[in-house]
PDB file of N, CA and C in Angstrom:
ATOM      1  N   UNK A   1      85.751 311.026 122.203  1.00  0.00           N
ATOM      2  CA  UNK A   1      87.084 310.654 122.381  1.00  0.00           C
ATOM      3  C   UNK A   1      87.337 309.709 123.724  1.00  0.00           C
ATOM      4  N   UNK A   2      88.023 308.309 123.165  1.00  0.00           N
ATOM      5  CA  UNK A   2      88.338 306.912 124.138  1.00  0.00           C
ATOM      6  C   UNK A   2      89.754 307.251 124.801  1.00  0.00           C
ATOM      7  N   UNK A   3      89.507 306.835 125.949  1.00  0.00           N
ATOM      8  CA  UNK A   3      90.703 306.911 126.646  1.00  0.00           C
ATOM      9  C   UNK A   3      91.907 305.701 126.289  1.00  0.00           C
ATOM     10  N   UNK A   4      93.206 305.788 126.225  1.00  0.00           N
ATOM     11  CA  UNK A   4      94.085 305.054 125.372  1.00  0.00           C
ATOM     12  C   UNK A   4      93.887 303.704 125.821  1.00  0.00           C
ATOM     13  N   UNK A   5      92.990 303.090 125.257  1.00  0.00           N
ATOM     14  CA  UNK A   5      92.918 301.507 125.623  1.00  0.00           C
ATOM     15  C   UNK A   5      93.295 300.861 124.237  1.00  0.00           C
ATOM     16  N   UNK A   6      93.289 301.591 123.142  1.00  0.00           N
ATOM     17  CA  UNK A   6      94.214 301.056 121.977  1.00  0.00           C
ATOM     18  C   UNK A   6      95.298 301.077 122.045  1.00  0.00           C
ATOM     19  N   UNK A   7      95.893 299.724 121.094  1.00  0.00           N
ATOM     20  CA  UNK A   7      97.313 300.133 120.874  1.00  0.00           C
ATOM     21  C   UNK A   7      97.661 299.679 119.434  1.00  0.00           C
ATOM     22  N   UNK A   8      99.072 299.977 118.967  1.00  0.00           N
ATOM     23  CA  UNK A   8      99.110 299.550 117.273  1.00  0.00           C
ATOM     24  C   UNK A   8      99.843 298.677 117.875  1.00  0.00           C
ATOM     25  N   UNK A   9      99.711 297.538 116.637  1.00  0.00           N
ATOM     26  CA  UNK A   9     100.340 296.320 116.333  1.00  0.00           C
ATOM     27  C   UNK A   9     101.708 296.478 116.067  1.00  0.00           C
ATOM     28  N   UNK A  10     102.269 295.895 117.137  1.00  0.00           N
ATOM     29  CA  UNK A  10     103.836 295.952 117.237  1.00  0.00           C
ATOM     30  C   UNK A  10     104.363 297.207 118.038  1.00  0.00           C
ATOM     31  N   UNK A  11     103.294 297.697 118.651  1.00  0.00           N
ATOM     32  CA  UNK A  11     104.098 298.852 119.515  1.00  0.00           C
ATOM     33  C   UNK A  11     103.310 298.918 120.702  1.00  0.00           C
ATOM     34  N   UNK A  12     103.354 297.903 121.704  1.00  0.00           N
ATOM     35  CA  UNK A  12     102.718 297.729 122.929  1.00  0.00           C
ATOM     36  C   UNK A  12     103.012 298.970 123.893  1.00  0.00           C
ATOM     37  N   UNK A  13     104.090 299.625 123.573  1.00  0.00           N
ATOM     38  CA  UNK A  13     104.170 300.659 124.452  1.00  0.00           C
ATOM     39  C   UNK A  13     103.788 302.245 124.107  1.00  0.00           C
ATOM     40  N   UNK A  14     102.814 302.120 123.648  1.00  0.00           N
ATOM     41  CA  UNK A  14     102.205 303.468 122.710  1.00  0.00           C
ATOM     42  C   UNK A  14     100.378 302.855 123.393  1.00  0.00           C
ATOM     43  N   UNK A  15      99.849 304.002 123.502  1.00  0.00           N
ATOM     44  CA  UNK A  15      98.457 303.879 123.502  1.00  0.00           C
ATOM     45  C   UNK A  15      97.798 304.951 122.782  1.00  0.00           C
ATOM     46  N   UNK A  16      96.559 304.432 122.234  1.00  0.00           N
ATOM     47  CA  UNK A  16      95.841 305.640 120.912  1.00  0.00           C
ATOM     48  C   UNK A  16      94.632 305.887 121.653  1.00  0.00           C
ATOM     49  N   UNK A  17      94.510 307.410 121.513  1.00  0.00           N
ATOM     50  CA  UNK A  17      93.187 307.860 122.097  1.00  0.00           C
ATOM     51  C   UNK A  17      92.763 308.558 120.643  1.00  0.00           C
ATOM     52  N   UNK A  18      91.499 308.118 120.724  1.00  0.00           N
ATOM     53  CA  UNK A  18      90.707 308.384 119.503  1.00  0.00           C
ATOM     54  C   UNK A  18      89.579 309.413 119.471  1.00  0.00           C
ATOM     55  N   UNK A  19      89.649 310.581 118.699  1.00  0.00           N
ATOM     56  CA  UNK A  19      89.252 311.548 118.578  1.00  0.00           C
ATOM     57  C   UNK A  19      87.962 311.791 117.481  1.00  0.00           C
ATOM     58  N   UNK A  20      86.970 311.323 117.533  1.00  0.00           N
ATOM     59  CA  UNK A  20      85.959 311.516 116.420  1.00  0.00           C
ATOM     60  C   UNK A  20      85.395 312.900 116.276  1.00  0.00           C
ATOM     61  N   UNK A  21      85.894 313.595 115.064  1.00  0.00           N
ATOM     62  CA  UNK A  21      85.004 314.874 115.271  1.00  0.00           C
ATOM     63  C   UNK A  21      84.721 315.257 113.316  1.00  0.00           C
ATOM     64  N   UNK A  22      83.489 315.946 113.686  1.00  0.00           N
ATOM     65  CA  UNK A  22      82.790 315.958 112.217  1.00  0.00           C
ATOM     66  C   UNK A  22      83.114 314.484 111.578  1.00  0.00           C
ATOM     67  N   UNK A  23      83.386 314.355 110.196  1.00  0.00           N
ATOM     68  CA  UNK A  23      83.736 313.397 109.830  1.00  0.00           C
ATOM     69  C   UNK A  23      84.910 312.304 109.696  1.00  0.00           C
ATOM     70  N   UNK A  24      85.618 313.360 110.498  1.00  0.00           N
ATOM     71  CA  UNK A  24      87.230 312.611 110.946  1.00  0.00           C
ATOM     72  C   UNK A  24      87.319 311.611 112.327  1.00  0.00           C
ATOM     73  N   UNK A  25      88.467 310.930 111.869  1.00  0.00           N
ATOM     74  CA  UNK A  25      88.780 310.146 113.051  1.00  0.00           C
ATOM     75  C   UNK A  25      90.334 310.640 113.538  1.00  0.00           C
ATOM     76  N   UNK A  26      90.454 310.824 114.457  1.00  0.00           N
ATOM     77  CA  UNK A  26      91.800 311.431 114.577  1.00  0.00           C
ATOM     78  C   UNK A  26      92.474 310.503 115.690  1.00  0.00           C
ATOM     79  N   UNK A  27      93.705 309.697 115.182  1.00  0.00           N
ATOM     80  CA  UNK A  27      94.612 308.996 116.163  1.00  0.00           C
ATOM     81  C   UNK A  27      95.464 309.681 116.833  1.00  0.00           C
ATOM     82  N   UNK A  28      95.658 309.423 118.254  1.00  0.00           N
ATOM     83  CA  UNK A  28      96.395 310.272 119.214  1.00  0.00           C
ATOM     84  C   UNK A  28      97.412 309.526 119.773  1.00  0.00           C
ATOM     85  N   UNK A  29      98.434 308.527 119.453  1.00  0.00           N
ATOM     86  CA  UNK A  29      99.237 308.057 120.143  1.00  0.00           C
ATOM     87  C   UNK A  29     100.083 308.798 121.178  1.00  0.00           C
ATOM     88  N   UNK A  30      99.979 308.166 121.990  1.00  0.00           N
ATOM     89  CA  UNK A  30     101.356 308.689 123.468  1.00  0.00           C
ATOM     90  C   UNK A  30     102.039 307.409 124.094  1.00  0.00           C
ATOM     91  N   UNK A  31     102.996 307.308 124.410  1.00  0.00           N
ATOM     92  CA  UNK A  31     103.716 306.500 125.642  1.00  0.00           C
ATOM     93  C   UNK A  31     102.989 306.094 126.548  1.00  0.00           C
ATOM     94  N   UNK A  32     102.956 304.789 126.827  1.00  0.00           N
ATOM     95  CA  UNK A  32     101.947 303.979 127.832  1.00  0.00           C
ATOM     96  C   UNK A  32     102.678 304.327 129.256  1.00  0.00           C
ATOM     97  N   UNK A  33     101.918 304.906 130.256  1.00  0.00           N
ATOM     98  CA  UNK A  33     102.299 305.160 131.448  1.00  0.00           C
ATOM     99  C   UNK A  33     102.439 303.469 132.208  1.00  0.00           C
ATOM    100  N   UNK A  34     103.492 303.065 132.866  1.00  0.00           N
ATOM    101  CA  UNK A  34     103.466 302.080 133.347  1.00  0.00           C
ATOM    102  C   UNK A  34     102.655 302.072 134.843  1.00  0.00           C
ATOM    103  N   UNK A  35     102.267 302.623 135.617  1.00  0.00           N
ATOM    104  CA  UNK A  35     101.159 302.701 136.478  1.00  0.00           C
ATOM    105  C   UNK A  35     100.129 303.443 136.412  1.00  0.00           C
ATOM    106  N   UNK A  36      99.286 302.596 137.149  1.00  0.00           N
ATOM    107  CA  UNK A  36      97.913 303.064 137.133  1.00  0.00           C
ATOM    108  C   UNK A  36      97.729 304.427 137.990  1.00  0.00           C
ATOM    109  N   UNK A  37      97.550 305.575 137.052  1.00  0.00           N
ATOM    110  CA  UNK A  37      97.455 306.990 137.976  1.00  0.00           C
ATOM    111  C   UNK A  37      95.834 307.314 138.195  1.00  0.00           C
ATOM    112  N   UNK A  38      95.401 307.804 139.182  1.00  0.00           N
ATOM    113  CA  UNK A  38      93.824 308.245 139.580  1.00  0.00           C
ATOM    114  C   UNK A  38      94.033 309.527 138.749  1.00  0.00           C
ATOM    115  N   UNK A  39      92.734 309.550 138.346  1.00  0.00           N
ATOM    116  CA  UNK A  39      92.296 310.851 137.720  1.00  0.00           C
ATOM    117  C   UNK A  39      92.707 311.628 136.244  1.00  0.00           C
ATOM    118  N   UNK A  40      93.332 310.871 135.574  1.00  0.00           N
ATOM    119  CA  UNK A  40      93.875 311.099 134.551  1.00  0.00           C
ATOM    120  C   UNK A  40      92.747 311.767 133.520  1.00  0.00           C
ATOM    121  N   UNK A  41      91.951 310.721 133.346  1.00  0.00           N
ATOM    122  CA  UNK A  41      90.427 310.811 132.344  1.00  0.00           C
ATOM    123  C   UNK A  41      89.767 312.285 132.786  1.00  0.00           C
ATOM    124  N   UNK A  42      89.901 312.786 134.071  1.00  0.00           N
ATOM    125  CA  UNK A  42      88.945 314.076 134.449  1.00  0.00           C
ATOM    126  C   UNK A  42      90.048 315.535 134.009  1.00  0.00           C
ATOM    127  N   UNK A  43      91.328 314.955 134.658  1.00  0.00           N
ATOM    128  CA  UNK A  43      92.193 316.078 134.082  1.00  0.00           C
ATOM    129  C   UNK A  43      92.614 315.860 132.719  1.00  0.00           C
ATOM    130  N   UNK A  44      92.358 315.251 132.063  1.00  0.00           N
ATOM    131  CA  UNK A  44      92.721 315.503 130.377  1.00  0.00           C
ATOM    132  C   UNK A  44      91.038 316.039 129.830  1.00  0.00           C
ATOM    133  N   UNK A  45      90.001 315.776 130.509  1.00  0.00           N
ATOM    134  CA  UNK A  45      88.552 316.699 130.214  1.00  0.00           C
ATOM    135  C   UNK A  45      88.738 318.110 130.702  1.00  0.00           C
ATOM    136  N   UNK A  46      89.272 318.552 131.875  1.00  0.00           N
ATOM    137  CA  UNK A  46      89.490 319.589 132.166  1.00  0.00           C
ATOM    138  C   UNK A  46      90.576 320.633 131.560  1.00  0.00           C
ATOM    139  N   UNK A  47      91.680 320.036 131.045  1.00  0.00           N
ATOM    140  CA  UNK A  47      92.246 320.920 130.527  1.00  0.00           C
ATOM    141  C   UNK A  47      92.114 321.201 128.668  1.00  0.00           C
ATOM    142  N   UNK A  48      91.430 320.086 128.317  1.00  0.00           N
ATOM    143  CA  UNK A  48      90.785 320.463 127.184  1.00  0.00           C
ATOM    144  C   UNK A  48      89.832 321.411 127.005  1.00  0.00           C
ATOM    145  N   UNK A  49      88.736 321.451 128.216  1.00  0.00           N
ATOM    146  CA  UNK A  49      87.504 322.345 128.414  1.00  0.00           C
ATOM    147  C   UNK A  49      88.018 323.925 128.435  1.00  0.00           C
ATOM    148  N   UNK A  50      89.294 323.920 129.815  1.00  0.00           N
ATOM    149  CA  UNK A  50      90.174 325.660 129.770  1.00  0.00           C
ATOM    150  C   UNK A  50      90.581 325.557 128.712  1.00  0.00           C
ATOM    151  N   UNK A  51      91.260 324.996 127.788  1.00  0.00           N
ATOM    152  CA  UNK A  51      91.662 325.599 126.333  1.00  0.00           C
ATOM    153  C   UNK A  51      90.736 325.993 125.428  1.00  0.00           C
ATOM    154  N   UNK A  52      89.476 324.864 125.251  1.00  0.00           N
ATOM    155  CA  UNK A  52      88.739 325.955 124.465  1.00  0.00           C
ATOM    156  C   UNK A  52      88.159 327.010 124.612  1.00  0.00           C
ATOM    157  N   UNK A  53      87.764 326.937 126.507  1.00  0.00           N
ATOM    158  CA  UNK A  53      87.296 328.134 126.761  1.00  0.00           C
ATOM    159  C   UNK A  53      88.105 329.509 126.317  1.00  0.00           C
ATOM    160  N   UNK A  54      89.656 329.318 126.894  1.00  0.00           N
ATOM    161  CA  UNK A  54      90.826 330.323 125.959  1.00  0.00           C
ATOM    162  C   UNK A  54      90.875 330.646 124.949  1.00  0.00           C
ATOM    163  N   UNK A  55      90.294 329.683 123.709  1.00  0.00           N
ATOM    164  CA  UNK A  55      90.280 329.849 122.634  1.00  0.00           C
ATOM    165  C   UNK A  55      89.604 331.035 122.224  1.00  0.00           C
ATOM    166  N   UNK A  56      88.491 330.890 122.548  1.00  0.00           N
ATOM    167  CA  UNK A  56      87.129 332.326 122.313  1.00  0.00           C
ATOM    168  C   UNK A  56      86.463 331.767 121.146  1.00  0.00           C
ATOM    169  N   UNK A  57      86.951 331.006 120.053  1.00  0.00           N
ATOM    170  CA  UNK A  57      86.082 330.116 119.369  1.00  0.00           C
ATOM    171  C   UNK A  57      86.470 329.117 118.706  1.00  0.00           C
ATOM    172  N   UNK A  58      85.327 328.472 118.206  1.00  0.00           N
ATOM    173  CA  UNK A  58      85.865 326.651 118.511  1.00  0.00           C
ATOM    174  C   UNK A  58      85.362 326.672 117.247  1.00  0.00           C
ATOM    175  N   UNK A  59      86.238 325.775 116.389  1.00  0.00           N
ATOM    176  CA  UNK A  59      86.185 324.759 114.962  1.00  0.00           C
ATOM    177  C   UNK A  59      86.784 323.809 115.371  1.00  0.00           C
ATOM    178  N   UNK A  60      86.549 322.865 114.190  1.00  0.00           N
ATOM    179  CA  UNK A  60      87.484 321.769 114.095  1.00  0.00           C
ATOM    180  C   UNK A  60      88.590 321.343 114.904  1.00  0.00           C
ATOM    181  N   UNK A  61      89.598 322.159 113.937  1.00  0.00           N
ATOM    182  CA  UNK A  61      90.831 322.419 114.095  1.00  0.00           C
ATOM    183  C   UNK A  61      91.144 322.913 115.483  1.00  0.00           C
ATOM    184  N   UNK A  62      90.462 323.975 116.151  1.00  0.00           N
ATOM    185  CA  UNK A  62      91.117 324.087 116.981  1.00  0.00           C
ATOM    186  C   UNK A  62      90.408 323.498 118.302  1.00  0.00           C
ATOM    187  N   UNK A  63      89.731 322.669 117.974  1.00  0.00           N
ATOM    188  CA  UNK A  63      89.066 321.142 119.071  1.00  0.00           C
ATOM    189  C   UNK A  63      90.484 320.044 119.096  1.00  0.00           C
ATOM    190  N   UNK A  64      90.724 319.768 117.673  1.00  0.00           N
ATOM    191  CA  UNK A  64      91.856 319.028 117.630  1.00  0.00           C
ATOM    192  C   UNK A  64      93.306 319.543 118.420  1.00  0.00           C
ATOM    193  N   UNK A  65      93.668 320.800 117.934  1.00  0.00           N
ATOM    194  CA  UNK A  65      94.561 321.550 118.504  1.00  0.00           C
ATOM    195  C   UNK A  65      94.423 321.594 120.285  1.00  0.00           C
ATOM    196  N   UNK A  66      93.437 321.779 120.719  1.00  0.00           N
ATOM    197  CA  UNK A  66      93.159 321.591 122.411  1.00  0.00           C
ATOM    198  C   UNK A  66      93.607 320.285 122.835  1.00  0.00           C
ATOM    199  N   UNK A  67      93.082 319.185 122.119  1.00  0.00           N
ATOM    200  CA  UNK A  67      92.961 318.006 122.679  1.00  0.00           C
ATOM    201  C   UNK A  67      94.532 317.535 122.757  1.00  0.00           C
ATOM    202  N   UNK A  68      95.299 317.845 121.508  1.00  0.00           N
ATOM    203  CA  UNK A  68      96.681 317.627 121.392  1.00  0.00           C
ATOM    204  C   UNK A  68      97.576 318.395 122.542  1.00  0.00           C
ATOM    205  N   UNK A  69      96.884 319.572 122.752  1.00  0.00           N
ATOM    206  CA  UNK A  69      97.663 320.305 123.792  1.00  0.00           C
ATOM    207  C   UNK A  69      97.472 320.118 125.000  1.00  0.00           C
ATOM    208  N   UNK A  70      96.450 319.558 125.656  1.00  0.00           N
ATOM    209  CA  UNK A  70      95.766 318.515 126.464  1.00  0.00           C
ATOM    210  C   UNK A  70      96.528 317.495 126.871  1.00  0.00           C
ATOM    211  N   UNK A  71      96.947 316.939 125.760  1.00  0.00           N
ATOM    212  CA  UNK A  71      97.654 315.131 126.104  1.00  0.00           C
ATOM    213  C   UNK A  71      98.738 315.690 126.459  1.00  0.00           C
ATOM    214  N   UNK A  72      99.788 316.454 125.906  1.00  0.00           N
ATOM    215  CA  UNK A  72     100.916 316.922 126.186  1.00  0.00           C
ATOM    216  C   UNK A  72     101.286 317.676 127.500  1.00  0.00           C
ATOM    217  N   UNK A  73     100.153 318.515 127.813  1.00  0.00           N
ATOM    218  CA  UNK A  73     100.373 318.941 129.330  1.00  0.00           C
ATOM    219  C   UNK A  73     100.133 317.566 130.392  1.00  0.00           C
ATOM    220  N   UNK A  74      99.106 316.943 129.982  1.00  0.00           N
ATOM    221  CA  UNK A  74      98.893 315.646 130.607  1.00  0.00           C
ATOM    222  C   UNK A  74     100.374 314.963 131.006  1.00  0.00           C
ATOM    223  N   UNK A  75     100.680 314.709 129.582  1.00  0.00           N
ATOM    224  CA  UNK A  75     101.771 313.865 129.937  1.00  0.00           C
ATOM    225  C   UNK A  75     102.898 313.950 130.724  1.00  0.00           C
ATOM    226  N   UNK A  76     103.022 315.609 130.979  1.00  0.00           N
ATOM    227  CA  UNK A  76     103.788 316.321 131.510  1.00  0.00           C
ATOM    228  C   UNK A  76     103.671 315.933 133.177  1.00  0.00           C
ATOM    229  N   UNK A  77     102.577 315.945 133.671  1.00  0.00           N
ATOM    230  CA  UNK A  77     102.288 315.569 134.804  1.00  0.00           C
ATOM    231  C   UNK A  77     102.273 314.584 135.072  1.00  0.00           C
ATOM    232  N   UNK A  78     102.292 313.424 134.289  1.00  0.00           N
ATOM    233  CA  UNK A  78     102.109 311.804 134.606  1.00  0.00           C
ATOM    234  C   UNK A  78     103.674 311.620 134.941  1.00  0.00           C
ATOM    235  N   UNK A  79     104.683 312.429 134.864  1.00  0.00           N
ATOM    236  CA  UNK A  79     105.894 312.057 134.898  1.00  0.00           C
ATOM    237  C   UNK A  79     106.108 311.986 136.189  1.00  0.00           C
ATOM    238  N   UNK A  80     105.420 312.639 137.085  1.00  0.00           N
ATOM    239  CA  UNK A  80     105.473 312.919 138.699  1.00  0.00           C
ATOM    240  C   UNK A  80     104.272 312.862 139.453  1.00  0.00           C
ATOM    241  N   UNK A  81     103.799 311.452 139.388  1.00  0.00           N
ATOM    242  CA  UNK A  81     102.866 311.210 140.047  1.00  0.00           C
ATOM    243  C   UNK A  81     102.900 311.255 141.710  1.00  0.00           C
ATOM    244  N   UNK A  82     101.930 311.707 142.610  1.00  0.00           N
ATOM    245  CA  UNK A  82     102.306 311.093 144.284  1.00  0.00           C
ATOM    246  C   UNK A  82     101.809 310.270 145.035  1.00  0.00           C
ATOM    247  N   UNK A  83     101.961 309.594 145.844  1.00  0.00           N
ATOM    248  CA  UNK A  83     101.083 308.585 146.229  1.00  0.00           C
ATOM    249  C   UNK A  83     100.523 308.850 147.596  1.00  0.00           C
ATOM    250  N   UNK A  84      99.335 308.728 147.732  1.00  0.00           N
ATOM    251  CA  UNK A  84      98.634 309.564 149.379  1.00  0.00           C
ATOM    252  C   UNK A  84      98.440 307.886 150.091  1.00  0.00           C
ATOM    253  N   UNK A  85      99.536 308.089 151.011  1.00  0.00           N
ATOM    254  CA  UNK A  85      99.443 307.169 152.238  1.00  0.00           C
ATOM    255  C   UNK A  85      99.789 306.152 151.549  1.00  0.00           C
ATOM    256  N   UNK A  86      99.095 304.691 151.662  1.00  0.00           N
ATOM    257  CA  UNK A  86      99.301 303.486 151.096  1.00  0.00           C
ATOM    258  C   UNK A  86      98.549 302.888 149.538  1.00  0.00           C
ATOM    259  N   UNK A  87      98.472 304.327 149.368  1.00  0.00           N
ATOM    260  CA  UNK A  87      96.795 303.908 148.490  1.00  0.00           C
ATOM    261  C   UNK A  87      97.251 304.176 147.238  1.00  0.00           C
ATOM    262  N   UNK A  88      96.373 304.570 146.297  1.00  0.00           N
ATOM    263  CA  UNK A  88      96.645 304.831 144.880  1.00  0.00           C
ATOM    264  C   UNK A  88      97.372 306.071 144.371  1.00  0.00           C
ATOM    265  N   UNK A  89      98.386 305.890 143.372  1.00  0.00           N
ATOM    266  CA  UNK A  89      98.856 307.188 142.657  1.00  0.00           C
ATOM    267  C   UNK A  89      98.046 308.263 141.918  1.00  0.00           C
ATOM    268  N   UNK A  90      98.427 309.334 142.405  1.00  0.00           N
ATOM    269  CA  UNK A  90      97.410 310.455 141.999  1.00  0.00           C
ATOM    270  C   UNK A  90      98.248 311.463 141.075  1.00  0.00           C
ATOM    271  N   UNK A  91      97.698 312.593 140.732  1.00  0.00           N
ATOM    272  CA  UNK A  91      98.441 313.419 139.882  1.00  0.00           C
ATOM    273  C   UNK A  91      98.703 314.412 140.570  1.00  0.00           C
ATOM    274  N   UNK A  92      99.769 315.093 140.435  1.00  0.00           N
ATOM    275  CA  UNK A  92     100.420 315.902 141.621  1.00  0.00           C
ATOM    276  C   UNK A  92     100.233 317.351 140.791  1.00  0.00           C
ATOM    277  N   UNK A  93      99.963 318.476 141.817  1.00  0.00           N
ATOM    278  CA  UNK A  93      99.620 319.791 140.962  1.00  0.00           C
ATOM    279  C   UNK A  93     101.055 320.325 140.218  1.00  0.00           C
TER     280      UNK A  93
END
């Protein structure tokens, strides 16, 4: 999976994560966040891993569903980042 550095032509407000699984390539667009927030990649990976652990069995469709679910949860968290001192924005619990 590649972090959302791709953009759709004419849609500069969206980013596209790419999931390569089996012989498929799944494009997962989402709105671009205005500010740089630290920890998004690690959080997304942890959400995906937790969802897959909860699934009990794993196949391509379960992986795709887990990634979609994790992206949705991350989007919710990105709405309310916090700033630590004068430093960078981080995800809030």
